[in-house]
N, C-alpha and C. Protein backbone atom coordinates (compact mmCIF):
# COMPACT_ATOMS: atom_id res chain seq x y z
N ARG A 1 78.45 95.85 96.72
CA ARG A 1 79.20 96.49 96.48
C ARG A 1 80.17 96.79 98.05
N LEU A 2 81.90 96.60 98.29
CA LEU A 2 82.31 97.57 99.74
C LEU A 2 83.07 98.32 98.73
N ALA A 3 82.01 99.83 98.85
CA ALA A 3 82.69 100.94 99.08
C ALA A 3 83.24 101.26 100.21
N ASN A 4 84.55 101.67 99.60
CA ASN A 4 85.78 102.60 100.14
C ASN A 4 85.60 101.53 102.33
N MET A 5 85.35 100.32 101.87
CA MET A 5 84.99 99.55 103.32
C MET A 5 87.44 99.34 103.72
N LEU A 6 87.21 100.27 105.04
CA LEU A 6 88.54 100.27 105.84
C LEU A 6 88.74 98.34 106.85
N TYR A 7 89.30 97.31 105.84
CA TYR A 7 89.68 95.91 107.25
C TYR A 7 91.18 96.06 107.68
N ILE A 8 91.10 95.60 108.96
CA ILE A 8 92.13 96.28 109.66
C ILE A 8 92.44 94.57 110.36
N PHE A 9 93.30 93.42 110.17
CA PHE A 9 93.38 92.13 110.30
C PHE A 9 95.10 92.59 110.99
N THR A 10 94.85 92.58 112.75
CA THR A 10 95.66 93.50 114.03
C THR A 10 95.69 92.23 114.19
N GLY A 11 97.24 91.82 115.59
CA GLY A 11 96.42 91.40 117.54
C GLY A 11 98.55 90.30 117.04
N ASN A 12 98.77 89.66 117.87
CA ASN A 12 99.59 89.15 117.93
C ASN A 12 99.59 87.41 117.51
N GLY A 13 98.51 86.72 117.10
CA GLY A 13 98.57 85.59 117.03
C GLY A 13 98.55 85.08 115.13
N LYS A 14 98.33 84.59 114.96
CA LYS A 14 98.67 84.25 112.83
C LYS A 14 97.27 84.20 112.45
N GLY A 15 97.67 84.86 111.24
CA GLY A 15 96.61 84.42 110.54
C GLY A 15 96.13 86.19 110.04
N LYS A 16 96.78 87.00 109.90
CA LYS A 16 96.39 88.43 109.40
C LYS A 16 96.79 88.41 108.25
N THR A 17 98.28 87.60 107.26
CA THR A 17 98.23 87.91 106.14
C THR A 17 96.96 87.01 105.42
N THR A 18 96.87 85.27 106.01
CA THR A 18 96.32 84.89 105.39
C THR A 18 93.91 85.39 105.15
N ALA A 19 93.99 85.69 106.35
CA ALA A 19 92.72 86.58 105.79
C ALA A 19 92.85 87.20 105.02
N ALA A 20 93.85 88.32 105.37
CA ALA A 20 93.88 88.78 103.57
C ALA A 20 93.74 88.22 102.46
N LEU A 21 94.64 87.39 102.76
CA LEU A 21 94.79 86.72 101.34
C LEU A 21 93.44 86.18 100.48
N GLY A 22 92.58 85.60 102.10
CA GLY A 22 91.34 84.93 101.99
C GLY A 22 89.84 86.08 100.92
N GLN A 23 90.93 87.55 101.36
CA GLN A 23 89.16 88.28 100.96
C GLN A 23 89.39 88.94 99.06
N ALA A 24 90.74 88.57 99.54
CA ALA A 24 91.88 88.62 98.21
C ALA A 24 90.88 87.44 97.12
N MET A 25 91.04 86.55 97.58
CA MET A 25 90.77 84.56 96.94
C MET A 25 89.22 84.81 96.49
N ARG A 26 88.18 85.75 97.72
CA ARG A 26 86.03 85.89 97.12
C ARG A 26 87.06 87.20 96.12
N ALA A 27 87.75 87.63 95.93
CA ALA A 27 87.06 88.99 95.31
C ALA A 27 87.84 89.15 94.00
N VAL A 28 88.49 87.79 93.56
CA VAL A 28 88.84 87.14 92.79
C VAL A 28 87.78 86.79 91.95
N GLY A 29 87.08 85.84 92.83
CA GLY A 29 85.99 85.10 92.59
C GLY A 29 85.26 85.91 92.03
N GLU A 30 84.51 86.72 92.96
CA GLU A 30 83.70 88.09 92.50
C GLU A 30 84.24 89.10 91.03
N GLY A 31 85.34 88.24 90.26
CA GLY A 31 85.68 89.49 89.26
C GLY A 31 86.41 90.96 89.45
N LYS A 32 86.89 90.64 91.01
CA LYS A 32 87.80 91.97 91.35
C LYS A 32 88.99 91.72 90.45
N LYS A 33 89.91 92.95 91.15
CA LYS A 33 91.11 92.98 90.68
C LYS A 33 91.88 93.61 91.57
N VAL A 34 92.29 92.41 92.84
CA VAL A 34 93.23 93.08 94.02
C VAL A 34 95.07 92.97 93.53
N LEU A 35 95.21 94.21 94.86
CA LEU A 35 96.94 94.35 94.22
C LEU A 35 97.02 94.92 95.80
N MET A 36 97.87 93.18 96.08
CA MET A 36 98.98 93.05 97.75
C MET A 36 100.33 93.37 97.88
N VAL A 37 100.79 94.70 98.10
CA VAL A 37 102.18 95.04 98.89
C VAL A 37 102.21 94.32 99.97
N GLN A 38 103.83 93.72 100.42
CA GLN A 38 104.31 93.36 100.87
C GLN A 38 105.04 94.55 101.56
N PHE A 39 104.91 94.68 102.86
CA PHE A 39 105.99 95.84 103.87
C PHE A 39 107.19 95.46 104.65
N ILE A 40 107.26 94.52 104.68
CA ILE A 40 108.41 93.55 105.90
C ILE A 40 108.82 92.41 104.79
N LYS A 41 108.21 91.77 104.47
CA LYS A 41 108.63 90.08 104.18
C LYS A 41 109.67 90.48 102.63
N GLY A 42 110.68 90.19 102.03
CA GLY A 42 110.71 90.30 100.73
C GLY A 42 112.25 88.23 100.45
N PRO A 43 112.91 88.98 100.58
CA PRO A 43 113.66 87.41 101.05
C PRO A 43 113.59 86.15 101.53
N TRP A 44 112.26 86.79 102.43
CA TRP A 44 111.63 85.24 103.10
C TRP A 44 110.72 85.06 102.35
N LYS A 45 111.19 83.71 102.08
CA LYS A 45 109.81 82.82 101.20
C LYS A 45 108.49 82.83 101.96
N SER A 46 107.48 82.93 101.52
CA SER A 46 106.09 82.78 102.19
C SER A 46 105.45 81.20 101.04
N GLY A 47 103.97 80.91 101.53
CA GLY A 47 103.10 80.50 101.15
C GLY A 47 102.39 80.44 99.68
N GLU A 48 102.59 82.00 99.80
CA GLU A 48 101.38 82.88 98.79
C GLU A 48 102.67 83.60 97.60
N ASP A 49 103.77 83.14 97.95
CA ASP A 49 104.77 83.31 97.00
C ASP A 49 104.84 83.21 95.14
N GLU A 50 104.20 82.10 95.42
CA GLU A 50 103.89 81.25 94.27
C GLU A 50 102.24 80.53 93.89
N SER A 51 101.92 80.65 94.85
CA SER A 51 99.89 80.15 94.29
C SER A 51 99.26 81.40 94.37
N TYR A 52 99.85 82.90 94.71
CA TYR A 52 99.52 83.89 94.19
C TYR A 52 99.49 83.74 93.40
N LYS A 53 100.56 83.42 92.22
CA LYS A 53 100.37 83.17 90.57
C LYS A 53 98.81 82.69 89.91
N LYS A 54 98.72 81.48 89.76
CA LYS A 54 97.49 81.03 89.56
C LYS A 54 96.35 81.73 89.34
N LEU A 55 96.02 82.94 90.24
CA LEU A 55 94.90 84.02 90.18
C LEU A 55 95.84 85.35 89.64
N ALA A 56 96.23 85.17 89.06
CA ALA A 56 96.71 86.40 87.71
C ALA A 56 96.19 86.10 86.60
N PRO A 57 96.26 86.95 85.60
CA PRO A 57 96.34 88.92 86.55
C PRO A 57 95.43 89.73 87.06
N ASP A 58 94.41 88.41 87.82
CA ASP A 58 93.06 89.01 88.47
C ASP A 58 93.54 89.81 90.43
N PHE A 59 94.88 88.78 90.48
CA PHE A 59 95.61 89.51 91.86
C PHE A 59 96.74 89.31 91.60
N LYS A 60 97.79 90.38 92.16
CA LYS A 60 99.04 90.72 91.57
C LYS A 60 99.86 90.99 93.60
N LEU A 61 101.16 90.11 93.50
CA LEU A 61 101.77 90.16 94.79
C LEU A 61 103.26 91.14 94.66
N VAL A 62 102.97 92.06 95.62
CA VAL A 62 104.36 92.46 94.68
C VAL A 62 105.22 93.06 96.37
N LYS A 63 106.44 92.01 95.82
CA LYS A 63 106.97 92.18 97.84
C LYS A 63 108.31 92.85 98.14
N MET A 64 108.21 94.19 98.54
CA MET A 64 109.35 95.30 98.45
C MET A 64 109.58 96.00 100.23
N GLY A 65 109.25 94.38 100.82
CA GLY A 65 110.38 94.50 102.01
C GLY A 65 111.70 94.34 102.22
N ARG A 66 112.54 94.55 102.61
CA ARG A 66 113.96 93.58 102.91
C ARG A 66 113.65 92.73 104.06
N GLY A 67 113.09 92.31 104.29
CA GLY A 67 112.39 91.57 105.07
C GLY A 67 112.89 92.18 106.88
N PHE A 68 112.73 91.14 107.70
CA PHE A 68 112.75 91.73 109.01
C PHE A 68 113.49 92.09 109.43
N VAL A 69 113.48 92.97 110.46
CA VAL A 69 114.35 94.48 110.92
C VAL A 69 114.78 94.39 112.31
N GLY A 70 115.84 93.94 111.85
CA GLY A 70 116.85 93.78 113.92
C GLY A 70 116.77 92.71 114.04
N ILE A 71 116.38 91.43 113.92
CA ILE A 71 115.92 90.35 114.06
C ILE A 71 116.48 89.20 113.41
N LEU A 72 116.58 87.90 113.74
CA LEU A 72 116.83 87.03 112.30
C LEU A 72 117.53 87.57 111.47
N GLY A 73 118.99 87.69 112.12
CA GLY A 73 120.02 87.43 111.24
C GLY A 73 120.08 88.45 110.48
N ASP A 74 119.35 90.38 110.66
CA ASP A 74 119.12 90.82 109.51
C ASP A 74 119.91 91.94 110.13
N THR A 75 121.38 92.03 108.99
CA THR A 75 122.79 93.45 108.98
C THR A 75 122.33 94.53 107.80
N LEU A 76 121.02 94.83 107.25
CA LEU A 76 120.35 95.55 106.71
C LEU A 76 121.19 96.80 107.43
N PRO A 77 121.04 97.81 106.71
CA PRO A 77 121.39 99.11 107.35
C PRO A 77 120.38 99.68 107.82
N ARG A 78 119.33 100.05 108.97
CA ARG A 78 118.21 101.29 109.28
C ARG A 78 117.40 101.49 107.86
N GLU A 79 118.27 102.48 107.32
CA GLU A 79 118.12 103.49 106.01
C GLU A 79 117.07 102.16 104.93
N GLU A 80 117.88 101.43 104.76
CA GLU A 80 117.70 100.45 103.48
C GLU A 80 115.85 100.04 103.93
N HIS A 81 115.65 99.30 104.78
CA HIS A 81 114.26 99.18 105.54
C HIS A 81 113.29 100.14 105.85
N GLU A 82 113.69 101.11 105.87
CA GLU A 82 112.70 103.10 105.67
C GLU A 82 113.02 103.23 104.54
N LYS A 83 113.79 103.19 103.51
CA LYS A 83 113.29 103.29 102.23
C LYS A 83 113.24 102.44 101.70
N ALA A 84 112.05 101.16 101.78
CA ALA A 84 111.74 99.65 100.90
C ALA A 84 110.10 100.08 101.44
N ALA A 85 110.38 100.88 102.67
CA ALA A 85 109.25 100.85 103.24
C ALA A 85 108.78 102.41 103.00
N GLU A 86 109.53 103.20 102.86
CA GLU A 86 108.16 104.35 101.59
C GLU A 86 108.12 104.48 100.58
N ASP A 87 109.36 103.82 99.76
CA ASP A 87 109.06 102.75 98.57
C ASP A 87 107.29 102.47 97.87
N ALA A 88 107.37 101.08 98.84
CA ALA A 88 105.87 100.22 98.86
C ALA A 88 105.48 101.22 98.93
N LEU A 89 105.06 102.28 99.66
CA LEU A 89 103.30 103.67 99.88
C LEU A 89 103.37 103.91 98.58
N VAL A 90 105.10 104.89 98.44
CA VAL A 90 103.80 105.25 97.18
C VAL A 90 105.00 104.52 96.27
N TYR A 91 104.71 103.66 95.57
CA TYR A 91 103.95 102.17 94.73
C TYR A 91 102.53 102.06 94.78
N ALA A 92 102.08 101.88 96.66
CA ALA A 92 100.67 102.20 96.41
C ALA A 92 99.53 102.97 95.81
N ARG A 93 100.35 104.08 96.49
CA ARG A 93 99.89 105.39 95.79
C ARG A 93 99.46 104.92 94.24
N LYS A 94 100.77 104.68 93.81
CA LYS A 94 100.34 105.26 92.65
C LYS A 94 99.80 103.82 91.63
N GLU A 95 100.15 102.49 92.05
CA GLU A 95 98.57 101.89 91.42
C GLU A 95 97.27 102.27 91.89
N MET A 96 96.97 102.88 93.50
CA MET A 96 95.62 102.92 93.29
C MET A 96 95.37 104.21 92.86
N GLU A 97 95.83 105.33 92.62
CA GLU A 97 96.03 106.44 91.59
C GLU A 97 95.76 106.10 89.26
N SER A 98 95.87 105.12 89.53
CA SER A 98 96.05 104.23 88.19
C SER A 98 94.33 103.71 88.03
N GLY A 99 93.66 103.52 89.08
CA GLY A 99 92.42 103.38 89.13
C GLY A 99 91.82 101.61 88.87
N LYS A 100 93.27 100.72 88.44
CA LYS A 100 92.62 99.51 88.00
C LYS A 100 92.42 98.36 89.21
N TRP A 101 92.79 98.81 90.38
CA TRP A 101 92.04 97.35 91.40
C TRP A 101 91.50 98.31 92.18
N ASP A 102 90.65 96.81 92.47
CA ASP A 102 89.17 97.73 93.03
C ASP A 102 89.59 96.65 94.88
N MET A 103 90.86 96.44 94.57
CA MET A 103 90.42 96.08 96.92
C MET A 103 92.17 95.93 96.49
N LEU A 104 93.36 96.88 97.88
CA LEU A 104 93.90 96.62 97.88
C LEU A 104 94.58 96.30 99.48
N ILE A 105 95.79 95.71 99.35
CA ILE A 105 96.26 95.22 100.67
C ILE A 105 97.09 95.24 100.82
N LEU A 106 97.95 96.51 102.41
CA LEU A 106 98.97 96.90 102.48
C LEU A 106 99.36 96.13 103.21
N ASP A 107 100.37 94.52 102.95
CA ASP A 107 100.36 93.90 103.84
C ASP A 107 101.34 94.08 104.67
N GLU A 108 101.33 93.97 106.76
CA GLU A 108 102.77 94.53 107.35
C GLU A 108 103.08 95.59 107.29
N ILE A 109 101.86 96.52 106.83
CA ILE A 109 101.76 98.40 107.21
C ILE A 109 101.86 98.35 108.16
N ASN A 110 101.17 97.71 109.26
CA ASN A 110 101.06 98.08 110.57
C ASN A 110 102.65 97.94 111.33
N ASN A 111 103.21 97.10 111.33
CA ASN A 111 104.17 96.43 111.04
C ASN A 111 105.57 97.44 110.85
N ALA A 112 105.56 98.17 109.79
CA ALA A 112 107.01 98.62 109.68
C ALA A 112 106.07 100.37 109.78
N VAL A 113 104.86 100.49 110.82
CA VAL A 113 104.29 101.70 111.27
C VAL A 113 105.31 102.31 112.24
N SER A 114 104.76 100.88 113.34
CA SER A 114 105.43 100.23 114.43
C SER A 114 107.69 100.71 114.39
N LEU A 115 107.42 100.21 113.57
CA LEU A 115 108.72 99.93 113.48
C LEU A 115 109.60 101.43 113.30
N ASN A 116 108.51 102.16 112.98
CA ASN A 116 108.31 103.40 112.39
C ASN A 116 109.66 103.54 111.20
N LEU A 117 108.85 102.93 109.98
CA LEU A 117 109.37 102.82 109.23
C LEU A 117 109.50 103.48 107.80
N VAL A 118 108.15 103.84 108.48
CA VAL A 118 107.23 104.59 107.64
C VAL A 118 106.20 105.56 108.85
N SER A 119 106.10 106.55 108.51
CA SER A 119 104.96 107.19 109.63
C SER A 119 103.80 107.19 109.21
N LYS A 120 103.08 106.89 110.96
CA LYS A 120 101.72 106.66 110.17
C LYS A 120 101.00 108.00 110.06
N GLU A 121 101.27 109.03 109.89
CA GLU A 121 100.81 110.16 109.45
C GLU A 121 101.19 109.89 107.73
N LYS A 122 101.89 109.44 107.09
CA LYS A 122 102.07 109.52 106.41
C LYS A 122 100.99 108.19 105.73
N VAL A 123 100.65 107.12 105.70
CA VAL A 123 99.98 106.56 106.01
C VAL A 123 97.94 106.99 106.19
N LEU A 124 98.15 107.81 107.02
CA LEU A 124 96.78 108.14 107.75
C LEU A 124 96.73 109.43 105.50
N ASP A 125 97.39 110.04 105.70
CA ASP A 125 97.03 111.08 103.94
C ASP A 125 96.54 109.70 103.30
N PHE A 126 97.32 108.47 103.12
CA PHE A 126 97.09 107.30 101.62
C PHE A 126 95.49 106.92 102.23
N LEU A 127 94.97 106.93 103.20
CA LEU A 127 93.80 106.64 103.74
C LEU A 127 92.93 107.29 103.13
N ASN A 128 92.59 109.13 103.36
CA ASN A 128 92.13 110.19 103.39
C ASN A 128 92.22 110.02 101.81
N LEU A 129 93.54 110.18 100.91
CA LEU A 129 93.80 109.89 98.93
C LEU A 129 92.26 109.31 98.68
N GLN A 130 92.73 108.33 99.50
CA GLN A 130 91.55 106.93 98.64
C GLN A 130 90.12 106.84 99.03
N ALA A 131 90.21 107.74 100.29
CA ALA A 131 88.42 108.16 100.36
C ALA A 131 87.65 109.39 99.67
N THR A 132 88.29 109.79 99.18
CA THR A 132 88.60 110.98 98.43
C THR A 132 88.44 111.12 97.12
N SER A 133 88.99 110.82 96.39
CA SER A 133 89.35 110.32 95.16
C SER A 133 89.30 109.44 94.18
N TYR A 134 89.47 108.46 94.63
CA TYR A 134 89.63 106.75 93.80
C TYR A 134 88.60 105.57 94.21
N ASN A 135 88.36 105.28 93.20
CA ASN A 135 87.28 104.35 93.21
C ASN A 135 87.81 102.69 93.73
N LEU A 136 88.66 102.69 94.47
CA LEU A 136 88.49 101.11 94.97
C LEU A 136 87.86 101.06 96.14
N GLN A 137 87.46 99.73 96.39
CA GLN A 137 86.25 99.43 96.66
C GLN A 137 87.11 98.84 98.43
N ALA A 138 87.76 98.58 98.77
CA ALA A 138 88.20 97.85 99.84
C ALA A 138 89.62 97.78 100.07
N ILE A 139 89.83 98.60 101.12
CA ILE A 139 91.88 98.46 102.00
C ILE A 139 91.41 97.80 102.63
N ILE A 140 93.28 97.00 103.03
CA ILE A 140 92.70 95.86 103.73
C ILE A 140 94.44 96.10 104.31
N LEU A 141 94.68 96.42 105.09
CA LEU A 141 95.72 96.74 106.63
C LEU A 141 96.71 95.72 107.36
N THR A 142 97.57 95.05 107.52
CA THR A 142 97.63 93.76 108.09
C THR A 142 98.99 94.03 109.19
N GLY A 143 99.20 93.23 110.25
CA GLY A 143 100.27 93.91 110.77
C GLY A 143 99.55 93.74 112.41
N ARG A 144 100.69 93.36 112.90
CA ARG A 144 100.15 93.40 114.89
C ARG A 144 100.64 94.73 114.68
N ASP A 145 99.77 95.44 115.79
CA ASP A 145 100.21 96.47 116.30
C ASP A 145 99.74 98.09 115.83
N ALA A 146 98.39 97.79 114.89
CA ALA A 146 98.31 98.83 114.31
C ALA A 146 98.01 100.22 115.33
N PRO A 147 97.98 101.21 114.76
CA PRO A 147 97.76 102.39 115.98
C PRO A 147 96.30 102.24 115.47
N HIS A 148 96.14 103.06 117.12
CA HIS A 148 94.67 103.88 117.33
C HIS A 148 94.28 104.49 116.31
N GLU A 149 94.95 105.63 115.58
CA GLU A 149 94.43 106.22 114.71
C GLU A 149 93.63 105.44 113.59
N PHE A 150 94.04 104.15 113.07
CA PHE A 150 93.58 103.50 111.76
C PHE A 150 92.30 102.41 112.22
N LEU A 151 92.92 101.77 113.19
CA LEU A 151 91.43 101.87 114.50
C LEU A 151 90.63 102.49 113.96
N GLU A 152 90.36 103.74 114.70
CA GLU A 152 89.12 104.71 114.56
C GLU A 152 88.90 104.23 113.42
N LYS A 153 89.54 104.82 111.94
CA LYS A 153 89.30 104.44 111.15
C LYS A 153 88.09 103.05 110.24
N ALA A 154 88.85 102.54 110.76
CA ALA A 154 88.58 100.80 110.28
C ALA A 154 86.30 100.78 109.89
N ASP A 155 85.85 99.99 109.58
CA ASP A 155 84.68 99.32 109.07
C ASP A 155 84.76 98.03 109.86
N LEU A 156 85.87 97.42 110.42
CA LEU A 156 86.43 96.61 110.71
C LEU A 156 86.99 95.66 111.35
N ILE A 157 87.47 95.41 112.04
CA ILE A 157 88.82 95.17 112.84
C ILE A 157 88.87 93.57 112.97
N ASN A 158 89.90 92.81 112.43
CA ASN A 158 89.47 91.09 113.19
C ASN A 158 90.86 91.63 114.63
N GLU A 159 91.13 90.52 115.42
CA GLU A 159 92.47 90.86 116.07
C GLU A 159 92.69 89.13 116.61
N MET A 160 93.41 89.09 116.21
CA MET A 160 93.90 87.88 115.96
C MET A 160 94.78 87.40 117.04
N ARG A 161 94.66 86.77 118.04
CA ARG A 161 94.56 86.11 119.10
C ARG A 161 96.04 84.44 119.24
């Protein structure tokens, strides 16, 4: 049992989401329930969009982002990206409070914080709430530029290069 473990997959290299998906696959194989909430990816197609369905209902992926922010032809008002990130954190908290998940993956949350779409203080509040109130066995935060405050709380940090 990985009680209250905090994993962080960060760095400029590829593989952060893939590493989280690997942890999810392993957890599902052990009879656990996993929720992945994506904070940036939205309309963009990813390999996991279809493959995760093969692990349902034990693995659920929810894309809440509105796509990349300010690059690759993004024309959405910044406020839409901010609202999407805030909504994703609210959703993740509601799902955590439901008690039905063993592992929660906040995919690209580090990016959302570094882009100021959601404050690191709100994410730290979320992490502190989890540690004291709910029976999640693990939380995984992915994305480049993980804030120092997140790294200090982590049980395991993988830096992708």
